[in-house]
Amino acid sequence: MANQERLKPQKEKAKEDRSKVDDLQGSPMSVGNLEELIDESHAIVSSSMGPEYYVGMLSFIDKDQLEPGCAILMHNKVGLGYAAEN
C-alpha cells in the first residue's frame, strides 16, 4: 500500500506530461537554439527570428543532452527537446 502511495504522484506526473505531448502533436514546431540553462525546468532559447525567450521545459527532456548552443525543438516558445545532429 505504501508503495502505491509513493508511485501515485509519479503516475499523475506522467499522465500530465503525456497530455501535454498529445496537445502538442500536430501543432507547428520550430527549431531554435539553447542559449542558457537556468534551472532544471527553465532555459533561455532563441529562434531564427531573433529574440530570446525565457521558457519552461517539459519534465521528460533529458537535461544531460542539453548544452548551450545546441539545436532544440520548440513549440510556442516552449523547449521540447534537443535536435540530434545527423
PDB file of N, CA and C in Angstrom:
ATOM      1  N   MET A   1       0.821  -1.193   0.000  1.00  0.00           N
ATOM      2  CA  MET A   1       0.000   0.000   0.000  1.00  0.00           C
ATOM      3  C   MET A   1       0.861   1.251   0.000  1.00  0.00           C
ATOM      4  N   ALA A   2       1.917   1.268   0.815  1.00  0.00           N
ATOM      5  CA  ALA A   2       2.799   2.436   0.876  1.00  0.00           C
ATOM      6  C   ALA A   2       3.481   2.667  -0.467  1.00  0.00           C
ATOM      7  N   ASN A   3       3.828   1.578  -1.148  1.00  0.00           N
ATOM      8  CA  ASN A   3       4.466   1.694  -2.453  1.00  0.00           C
ATOM      9  C   ASN A   3       3.519   2.326  -3.467  1.00  0.00           C
ATOM     10  N   GLN A   4       2.238   1.973  -3.411  1.00  0.00           N
ATOM     11  CA  GLN A   4       1.249   2.556  -4.313  1.00  0.00           C
ATOM     12  C   GLN A   4       1.109   4.051  -4.068  1.00  0.00           C
ATOM     13  N   GLU A   5       1.119   4.457  -2.816  1.00  0.00           N
ATOM     14  CA  GLU A   5       1.013   5.879  -2.481  1.00  0.00           C
ATOM     15  C   GLU A   5       2.233   6.647  -2.981  1.00  0.00           C
ATOM     16  N   ARG A   6       3.395   6.017  -2.904  1.00  0.00           N
ATOM     17  CA  ARG A   6       4.623   6.670  -3.355  1.00  0.00           C
ATOM     18  C   ARG A   6       4.627   6.828  -4.876  1.00  0.00           C
ATOM     19  N   LEU A   7       4.098   5.851  -5.592  1.00  0.00           N
ATOM     20  CA  LEU A   7       4.087   5.887  -7.049  1.00  0.00           C
ATOM     21  C   LEU A   7       2.974   6.758  -7.616  1.00  0.00           C
ATOM     22  N   LYS A   8       1.963   7.056  -6.830  1.00  0.00           N
ATOM     23  CA  LYS A   8       0.823   7.821  -7.324  1.00  0.00           C
ATOM     24  C   LYS A   8       1.229   9.173  -7.908  1.00  0.00           C
ATOM     25  N   PRO A   9       2.056   9.987  -7.217  1.00  0.00           N
ATOM     26  CA  PRO A   9       2.451  11.273  -7.811  1.00  0.00           C
ATOM     27  C   PRO A   9       3.225  11.100  -9.119  1.00  0.00           C
ATOM     28  N   GLN A  10       4.045  10.041  -9.214  1.00  0.00           N
ATOM     29  CA  GLN A  10       4.795   9.797 -10.444  1.00  0.00           C
ATOM     30  C   GLN A  10       3.853   9.458 -11.590  1.00  0.00           C
ATOM     31  N   LYS A  11       2.844   8.657 -11.312  1.00  0.00           N
ATOM     32  CA  LYS A  11       1.883   8.291 -12.349  1.00  0.00           C
ATOM     33  C   LYS A  11       1.087   9.508 -12.797  1.00  0.00           C
ATOM     34  N   GLU A  12       0.700  10.352 -11.849  1.00  0.00           N
ATOM     35  CA  GLU A  12      -0.046  11.563 -12.196  1.00  0.00           C
ATOM     36  C   GLU A  12       0.812  12.506 -13.026  1.00  0.00           C
ATOM     37  N   LYS A  13       2.092  12.628 -12.684  1.00  0.00           N
ATOM     38  CA  LYS A  13       3.008  13.486 -13.438  1.00  0.00           C
ATOM     39  C   LYS A  13       3.193  12.941 -14.845  1.00  0.00           C
ATOM     40  N   ALA A  14       3.339  11.624 -14.970  1.00  0.00           N
ATOM     41  CA  ALA A  14       3.493  11.004 -16.287  1.00  0.00           C
ATOM     42  C   ALA A  14       2.239  11.227 -17.130  1.00  0.00           C
ATOM     43  N   LYS A  15       1.076  11.118 -16.509  1.00  0.00           N
ATOM     44  CA  LYS A  15      -0.181  11.342 -17.224  1.00  0.00           C
ATOM     45  C   LYS A  15      -0.281  12.797 -17.684  1.00  0.00           C
ATOM     46  N   GLU A  16       0.130  13.718 -16.825  1.00  0.00           N
ATOM     47  CA  GLU A  16       0.108  15.148 -17.170  1.00  0.00           C
ATOM     48  C   GLU A  16       1.068  15.432 -18.327  1.00  0.00           C
ATOM     49  N   ASP A  17       2.274  14.853 -18.273  1.00  0.00           N
ATOM     50  CA  ASP A  17       3.245  15.041 -19.350  1.00  0.00           C
ATOM     51  C   ASP A  17       2.716  14.468 -20.657  1.00  0.00           C
ATOM     52  N   ARG A  18       2.107  13.301 -20.597  1.00  0.00           N
ATOM     53  CA  ARG A  18       1.560  12.674 -21.803  1.00  0.00           C
ATOM     54  C   ARG A  18       0.463  13.545 -22.400  1.00  0.00           C
ATOM     55  N   SER A  19      -0.350  14.141 -21.546  1.00  0.00           N
ATOM     56  CA  SER A  19      -1.407  15.035 -22.007  1.00  0.00           C
ATOM     57  C   SER A  19      -0.818  16.246 -22.727  1.00  0.00           C
ATOM     58  N   LYS A  20       0.275  16.789 -22.188  1.00  0.00           N
ATOM     59  CA  LYS A  20       0.936  17.927 -22.836  1.00  0.00           C
ATOM     60  C   LYS A  20       1.467  17.538 -24.210  1.00  0.00           C
ATOM     61  N   VAL A  21       2.070  16.355 -24.302  1.00  0.00           N
ATOM     62  CA  VAL A  21       2.595  15.889 -25.581  1.00  0.00           C
ATOM     63  C   VAL A  21       1.458  15.702 -26.574  1.00  0.00           C
ATOM     64  N   ASP A  22       0.364  15.109 -26.147  1.00  0.00           N
ATOM     65  CA  ASP A  22      -0.786  14.912 -27.026  1.00  0.00           C
ATOM     66  C   ASP A  22      -1.317  16.245 -27.540  1.00  0.00           C
ATOM     67  N   ASP A  23      -1.339  17.258 -26.682  1.00  0.00           N
ATOM     68  CA  ASP A  23      -1.802  18.585 -27.087  1.00  0.00           C
ATOM     69  C   ASP A  23      -0.885  19.196 -28.142  1.00  0.00           C
ATOM     70  N   LEU A  24       0.403  18.890 -28.059  1.00  0.00           N
ATOM     71  CA  LEU A  24       1.377  19.479 -28.974  1.00  0.00           C
ATOM     72  C   LEU A  24       1.438  18.780 -30.325  1.00  0.00           C
ATOM     73  N   GLN A  25       1.048  17.520 -30.377  1.00  0.00           N
ATOM     74  CA  GLN A  25       1.134  16.774 -31.626  1.00  0.00           C
ATOM     75  C   GLN A  25       0.265  17.431 -32.684  1.00  0.00           C
ATOM     76  N   GLY A  26       0.805  17.549 -33.863  1.00  0.00           N
ATOM     77  CA  GLY A  26       0.074  18.149 -34.962  1.00  0.00           C
ATOM     78  C   GLY A  26       0.182  19.659 -34.998  1.00  0.00           C
ATOM     79  N   SER A  27       0.825  20.247 -34.019  1.00  0.00           N
ATOM     80  CA  SER A  27       0.994  21.696 -33.983  1.00  0.00           C
ATOM     81  C   SER A  27       2.310  22.076 -34.649  1.00  0.00           C
ATOM     82  N   PRO A  28       2.377  23.290 -35.182  1.00  0.00           N
ATOM     83  CA  PRO A  28       3.632  23.724 -35.809  1.00  0.00           C
ATOM     84  C   PRO A  28       4.782  23.744 -34.802  1.00  0.00           C
ATOM     85  N   MET A  29       5.923  23.268 -35.232  1.00  0.00           N
ATOM     86  CA  MET A  29       7.124  23.247 -34.405  1.00  0.00           C
ATOM     87  C   MET A  29       8.192  24.073 -35.106  1.00  0.00           C
ATOM     88  N   SER A  30       9.170  24.506 -34.350  1.00  0.00           N
ATOM     89  CA  SER A  30      10.302  25.216 -34.939  1.00  0.00           C
ATOM     90  C   SER A  30      11.574  24.766 -34.245  1.00  0.00           C
ATOM     91  N   VAL A  31      12.684  25.014 -34.904  1.00  0.00           N
ATOM     92  CA  VAL A  31      13.985  24.692 -34.329  1.00  0.00           C
ATOM     93  C   VAL A  31      14.603  25.985 -33.838  1.00  0.00           C
ATOM     94  N   GLY A  32      15.095  25.952 -32.621  1.00  0.00           N
ATOM     95  CA  GLY A  32      15.753  27.112 -32.034  1.00  0.00           C
ATOM     96  C   GLY A  32      17.084  26.699 -31.444  1.00  0.00           C
ATOM     97  N   ASN A  33      17.700  27.614 -30.740  1.00  0.00           N
ATOM     98  CA  ASN A  33      18.984  27.343 -30.090  1.00  0.00           C
ATOM     99  C   ASN A  33      18.863  27.550 -28.599  1.00  0.00           C
ATOM    100  N   LEU A  34      19.491  26.667 -27.856  1.00  0.00           N
ATOM    101  CA  LEU A  34      19.550  26.819 -26.408  1.00  0.00           C
ATOM    102  C   LEU A  34      20.650  27.819 -26.090  1.00  0.00           C
ATOM    103  N   GLU A  35      20.289  28.900 -25.438  1.00  0.00           N
ATOM    104  CA  GLU A  35      21.269  29.920 -25.068  1.00  0.00           C
ATOM    105  C   GLU A  35      21.844  29.652 -23.683  1.00  0.00           C
ATOM    106  N   GLU A  36      20.953  29.310 -22.726  1.00  0.00           N
ATOM    107  CA  GLU A  36      21.410  29.112 -21.348  1.00  0.00           C
ATOM    108  C   GLU A  36      20.400  28.278 -20.572  1.00  0.00           C
ATOM    109  N   LEU A  37      20.891  27.327 -19.780  1.00  0.00           N
ATOM    110  CA  LEU A  37      20.039  26.581 -18.856  1.00  0.00           C
ATOM    111  C   LEU A  37      19.964  27.377 -17.563  1.00  0.00           C
ATOM    112  N   ILE A  38      18.759  27.699 -17.127  1.00  0.00           N
ATOM    113  CA  ILE A  38      18.575  28.471 -15.905  1.00  0.00           C
ATOM    114  C   ILE A  38      18.500  27.542 -14.697  1.00  0.00           C
ATOM    115  N   ASP A  39      17.627  26.541 -14.763  1.00  0.00           N
ATOM    116  CA  ASP A  39      17.496  25.535 -13.719  1.00  0.00           C
ATOM    117  C   ASP A  39      16.967  24.265 -14.368  1.00  0.00           C
ATOM    118  N   GLU A  40      16.500  23.317 -13.571  1.00  0.00           N
ATOM    119  CA  GLU A  40      16.036  22.032 -14.097  1.00  0.00           C
ATOM    120  C   GLU A  40      14.810  22.146 -14.997  1.00  0.00           C
ATOM    121  N   SER A  41      14.075  23.239 -14.917  1.00  0.00           N
ATOM    122  CA  SER A  41      12.845  23.330 -15.699  1.00  0.00           C
ATOM    123  C   SER A  41      12.711  24.615 -16.511  1.00  0.00           C
ATOM    124  N   HIS A  42      13.767  25.424 -16.598  1.00  0.00           N
ATOM    125  CA  HIS A  42      13.698  26.674 -17.355  1.00  0.00           C
ATOM    126  C   HIS A  42      14.991  26.919 -18.125  1.00  0.00           C
ATOM    127  N   ALA A  43      14.858  27.603 -19.249  1.00  0.00           N
ATOM    128  CA  ALA A  43      16.019  27.920 -20.076  1.00  0.00           C
ATOM    129  C   ALA A  43      15.755  29.207 -20.844  1.00  0.00           C
ATOM    130  N   ILE A  44      16.817  29.741 -21.407  1.00  0.00           N
ATOM    131  CA  ILE A  44      16.695  30.856 -22.338  1.00  0.00           C
ATOM    132  C   ILE A  44      17.019  30.292 -23.710  1.00  0.00           C
ATOM    133  N   VAL A  45      16.107  30.511 -24.660  1.00  0.00           N
ATOM    134  CA  VAL A  45      16.262  29.996 -26.013  1.00  0.00           C
ATOM    135  C   VAL A  45      16.127  31.142 -27.001  1.00  0.00           C
ATOM    136  N   SER A  46      16.642  30.924 -28.194  1.00  0.00           N
ATOM    137  CA  SER A  46      16.475  31.915 -29.255  1.00  0.00           C
ATOM    138  C   SER A  46      15.930  31.212 -30.483  1.00  0.00           C
ATOM    139  N   SER A  47      15.214  31.970 -31.275  1.00  0.00           N
ATOM    140  CA  SER A  47      14.691  31.443 -32.527  1.00  0.00           C
ATOM    141  C   SER A  47      15.435  32.109 -33.671  1.00  0.00           C
ATOM    142  N   SER A  48      15.209  31.624 -34.865  1.00  0.00           N
ATOM    143  CA  SER A  48      15.859  32.226 -36.025  1.00  0.00           C
ATOM    144  C   SER A  48      15.325  33.630 -36.291  1.00  0.00           C
ATOM    145  N   MET A  49      14.189  33.947 -35.706  1.00  0.00           N
ATOM    146  CA  MET A  49      13.587  35.268 -35.882  1.00  0.00           C
ATOM    147  C   MET A  49      14.278  36.334 -35.043  1.00  0.00           C
ATOM    148  N   GLY A  50      15.146  35.924 -34.108  1.00  0.00           N
ATOM    149  CA  GLY A  50      15.927  36.909 -33.389  1.00  0.00           C
ATOM    150  C   GLY A  50      15.829  36.941 -31.889  1.00  0.00           C
ATOM    151  N   PRO A  51      14.676  37.264 -31.312  1.00  0.00           N
ATOM    152  CA  PRO A  51      14.641  37.499 -29.862  1.00  0.00           C
ATOM    153  C   PRO A  51      14.886  36.230 -29.044  1.00  0.00           C
ATOM    154  N   GLU A  52      15.309  36.448 -27.804  1.00  0.00           N
ATOM    155  CA  GLU A  52      15.492  35.349 -26.857  1.00  0.00           C
ATOM    156  C   GLU A  52      14.271  35.271 -25.951  1.00  0.00           C
ATOM    157  N   TYR A  53      13.968  34.060 -25.489  1.00  0.00           N
ATOM    158  CA  TYR A  53      12.799  33.830 -24.645  1.00  0.00           C
ATOM    159  C   TYR A  53      13.190  33.012 -23.423  1.00  0.00           C
ATOM    160  N   TYR A  54      12.587  33.328 -22.301  1.00  0.00           N
ATOM    161  CA  TYR A  54      12.694  32.530 -21.076  1.00  0.00           C
ATOM    162  C   TYR A  54      11.548  31.538 -21.147  1.00  0.00           C
ATOM    163  N   VAL A  55      11.855  30.245 -21.187  1.00  0.00           N
ATOM    164  CA  VAL A  55      10.820  29.230 -21.391  1.00  0.00           C
ATOM    165  C   VAL A  55      10.894  28.132 -20.346  1.00  0.00           C
ATOM    166  N   GLY A  56       9.782  27.463 -20.160  1.00  0.00           N
ATOM    167  CA  GLY A  56       9.734  26.260 -19.343  1.00  0.00           C
ATOM    168  C   GLY A  56      10.051  25.057 -20.218  1.00  0.00           C
ATOM    169  N   MET A  57      10.642  24.035 -19.612  1.00  0.00           N
ATOM    170  CA  MET A  57      10.944  22.804 -20.334  1.00  0.00           C
ATOM    171  C   MET A  57      10.109  21.678 -19.747  1.00  0.00           C
ATOM    172  N   LEU A  58       9.616  20.822 -20.607  1.00  0.00           N
ATOM    173  CA  LEU A  58       8.838  19.686 -20.134  1.00  0.00           C
ATOM    174  C   LEU A  58       9.730  18.749 -19.329  1.00  0.00           C
ATOM    175  N   SER A  59       9.152  18.100 -18.348  1.00  0.00           N
ATOM    176  CA  SER A  59       9.931  17.323 -17.379  1.00  0.00           C
ATOM    177  C   SER A  59      10.617  16.095 -17.975  1.00  0.00           C
ATOM    178  N   PHE A  60      10.136  15.582 -19.095  1.00  0.00           N
ATOM    179  CA  PHE A  60      10.729  14.366 -19.643  1.00  0.00           C
ATOM    180  C   PHE A  60      11.942  14.629 -20.536  1.00  0.00           C
ATOM    181  N   ILE A  61      12.330  15.884 -20.705  1.00  0.00           N
ATOM    182  CA  ILE A  61      13.503  16.205 -21.515  1.00  0.00           C
ATOM    183  C   ILE A  61      14.759  15.715 -20.801  1.00  0.00           C
ATOM    184  N   ASP A  62      15.632  15.050 -21.531  1.00  0.00           N
ATOM    185  CA  ASP A  62      16.897  14.567 -20.969  1.00  0.00           C
ATOM    186  C   ASP A  62      17.863  15.742 -20.874  1.00  0.00           C
ATOM    187  N   LYS A  63      17.988  16.312 -19.698  1.00  0.00           N
ATOM    188  CA  LYS A  63      18.809  17.513 -19.480  1.00  0.00           C
ATOM    189  C   LYS A  63      20.292  17.248 -19.744  1.00  0.00           C
ATOM    190  N   ASP A  64      20.723  15.975 -19.652  1.00  0.00           N
ATOM    191  CA  ASP A  64      22.124  15.633 -19.906  1.00  0.00           C
ATOM    192  C   ASP A  64      22.505  15.848 -21.373  1.00  0.00           C
ATOM    193  N   GLN A  65      21.521  15.857 -22.262  1.00  0.00           N
ATOM    194  CA  GLN A  65      21.779  16.042 -23.689  1.00  0.00           C
ATOM    195  C   GLN A  65      21.844  17.519 -24.081  1.00  0.00           C
ATOM    196  N   LEU A  66      21.472  18.404 -23.170  1.00  0.00           N
ATOM    197  CA  LEU A  66      21.407  19.830 -23.481  1.00  0.00           C
ATOM    198  C   LEU A  66      22.688  20.552 -23.090  1.00  0.00           C
ATOM    199  N   GLU A  67      23.121  21.427 -23.962  1.00  0.00           N
ATOM    200  CA  GLU A  67      24.251  22.300 -23.657  1.00  0.00           C
ATOM    201  C   GLU A  67      24.061  23.582 -24.466  1.00  0.00           C
ATOM    202  N   PRO A  68      24.563  24.693 -23.973  1.00  0.00           N
ATOM    203  CA  PRO A  68      24.394  25.955 -24.700  1.00  0.00           C
ATOM    204  C   PRO A  68      24.869  25.836 -26.148  1.00  0.00           C
ATOM    205  N   GLY A  69      24.060  26.364 -27.047  1.00  0.00           N
ATOM    206  CA  GLY A  69      24.382  26.329 -28.470  1.00  0.00           C
ATOM    207  C   GLY A  69      23.758  25.177 -29.224  1.00  0.00           C
ATOM    208  N   CYS A  70      23.187  24.188 -28.520  1.00  0.00           N
ATOM    209  CA  CYS A  70      22.599  23.049 -29.225  1.00  0.00           C
ATOM    210  C   CYS A  70      21.245  23.440 -29.818  1.00  0.00           C
ATOM    211  N   ALA A  71      20.879  22.742 -30.878  1.00  0.00           N
ATOM    212  CA  ALA A  71      19.586  22.958 -31.519  1.00  0.00           C
ATOM    213  C   ALA A  71      18.510  22.257 -30.703  1.00  0.00           C
ATOM    214  N   ILE A  72      17.378  22.934 -30.533  1.00  0.00           N
ATOM    215  CA  ILE A  72      16.262  22.351 -29.784  1.00  0.00           C
ATOM    216  C   ILE A  72      14.976  22.494 -30.575  1.00  0.00           C
ATOM    217  N   LEU A  73      14.040  21.627 -30.289  1.00  0.00           N
ATOM    218  CA  LEU A  73      12.717  21.679 -30.888  1.00  0.00           C
ATOM    219  C   LEU A  73      11.827  22.509 -29.986  1.00  0.00           C
ATOM    220  N   MET A  74      11.114  23.480 -30.563  1.00  0.00           N
ATOM    221  CA  MET A  74      10.271  24.371 -29.766  1.00  0.00           C
ATOM    222  C   MET A  74       8.847  24.385 -30.303  1.00  0.00           C
ATOM    223  N   HIS A  75       7.932  24.616 -29.411  1.00  0.00           N
ATOM    224  CA  HIS A  75       6.533  24.834 -29.753  1.00  0.00           C
ATOM    225  C   HIS A  75       6.062  26.031 -28.964  1.00  0.00           C
ATOM    226  N   ASN A  76       5.712  27.087 -29.654  1.00  0.00           N
ATOM    227  CA  ASN A  76       5.179  28.275 -28.983  1.00  0.00           C
ATOM    228  C   ASN A  76       6.075  28.735 -27.841  1.00  0.00           C
ATOM    229  N   LYS A  77       7.347  28.745 -28.071  1.00  0.00           N
ATOM    230  CA  LYS A  77       8.351  29.203 -27.106  1.00  0.00           C
ATOM    231  C   LYS A  77       8.480  28.286 -25.894  1.00  0.00           C
ATOM    232  N   VAL A  78       8.144  27.016 -26.059  1.00  0.00           N
ATOM    233  CA  VAL A  78       8.364  26.017 -25.010  1.00  0.00           C
ATOM    234  C   VAL A  78       9.427  25.064 -25.518  1.00  0.00           C
ATOM    235  N   GLY A  79      10.509  24.915 -24.782  1.00  0.00           N
ATOM    236  CA  GLY A  79      11.565  23.995 -25.193  1.00  0.00           C
ATOM    237  C   GLY A  79      11.087  22.563 -25.060  1.00  0.00           C
ATOM    238  N   LEU A  80      11.153  21.805 -26.135  1.00  0.00           N
ATOM    239  CA  LEU A  80      10.644  20.440 -26.102  1.00  0.00           C
ATOM    240  C   LEU A  80      11.739  19.395 -26.029  1.00  0.00           C
ATOM    241  N   GLY A  81      12.845  19.634 -26.644  1.00  0.00           N
ATOM    242  CA  GLY A  81      13.906  18.643 -26.624  1.00  0.00           C
ATOM    243  C   GLY A  81      15.015  19.036 -27.563  1.00  0.00           C
ATOM    244  N   TYR A  82      16.083  18.273 -27.510  1.00  0.00           N
ATOM    245  CA  TYR A  82      17.219  18.597 -28.356  1.00  0.00           C
ATOM    246  C   TYR A  82      17.021  17.990 -29.733  1.00  0.00           C
ATOM    247  N   ALA A  83      17.562  18.638 -30.740  1.00  0.00           N
ATOM    248  CA  ALA A  83      17.507  18.132 -32.106  1.00  0.00           C
ATOM    249  C   ALA A  83      18.842  17.468 -32.404  1.00  0.00           C
ATOM    250  N   ALA A  84      18.833  16.163 -32.547  1.00  0.00           N
ATOM    251  CA  ALA A  84      20.071  15.412 -32.781  1.00  0.00           C
ATOM    252  C   ALA A  84      20.653  15.775 -34.135  1.00  0.00           C
ATOM    253  N   GLU A  85      21.981  15.860 -34.172  1.00  0.00           N
ATOM    254  CA  GLU A  85      22.657  16.151 -35.429  1.00  0.00           C
ATOM    255  C   GLU A  85      22.724  14.886 -36.258  1.00  0.00           C
ATOM    256  N   ASN A  86      22.552  15.039 -37.564  1.00  0.00           N
ATOM    257  CA  ASN A  86      22.629  13.880 -38.469  1.00  0.00           C
ATOM    258  C   ASN A  86      24.020  13.703 -38.965  1.00  0.00           C
TER     259      ASN A  86
END
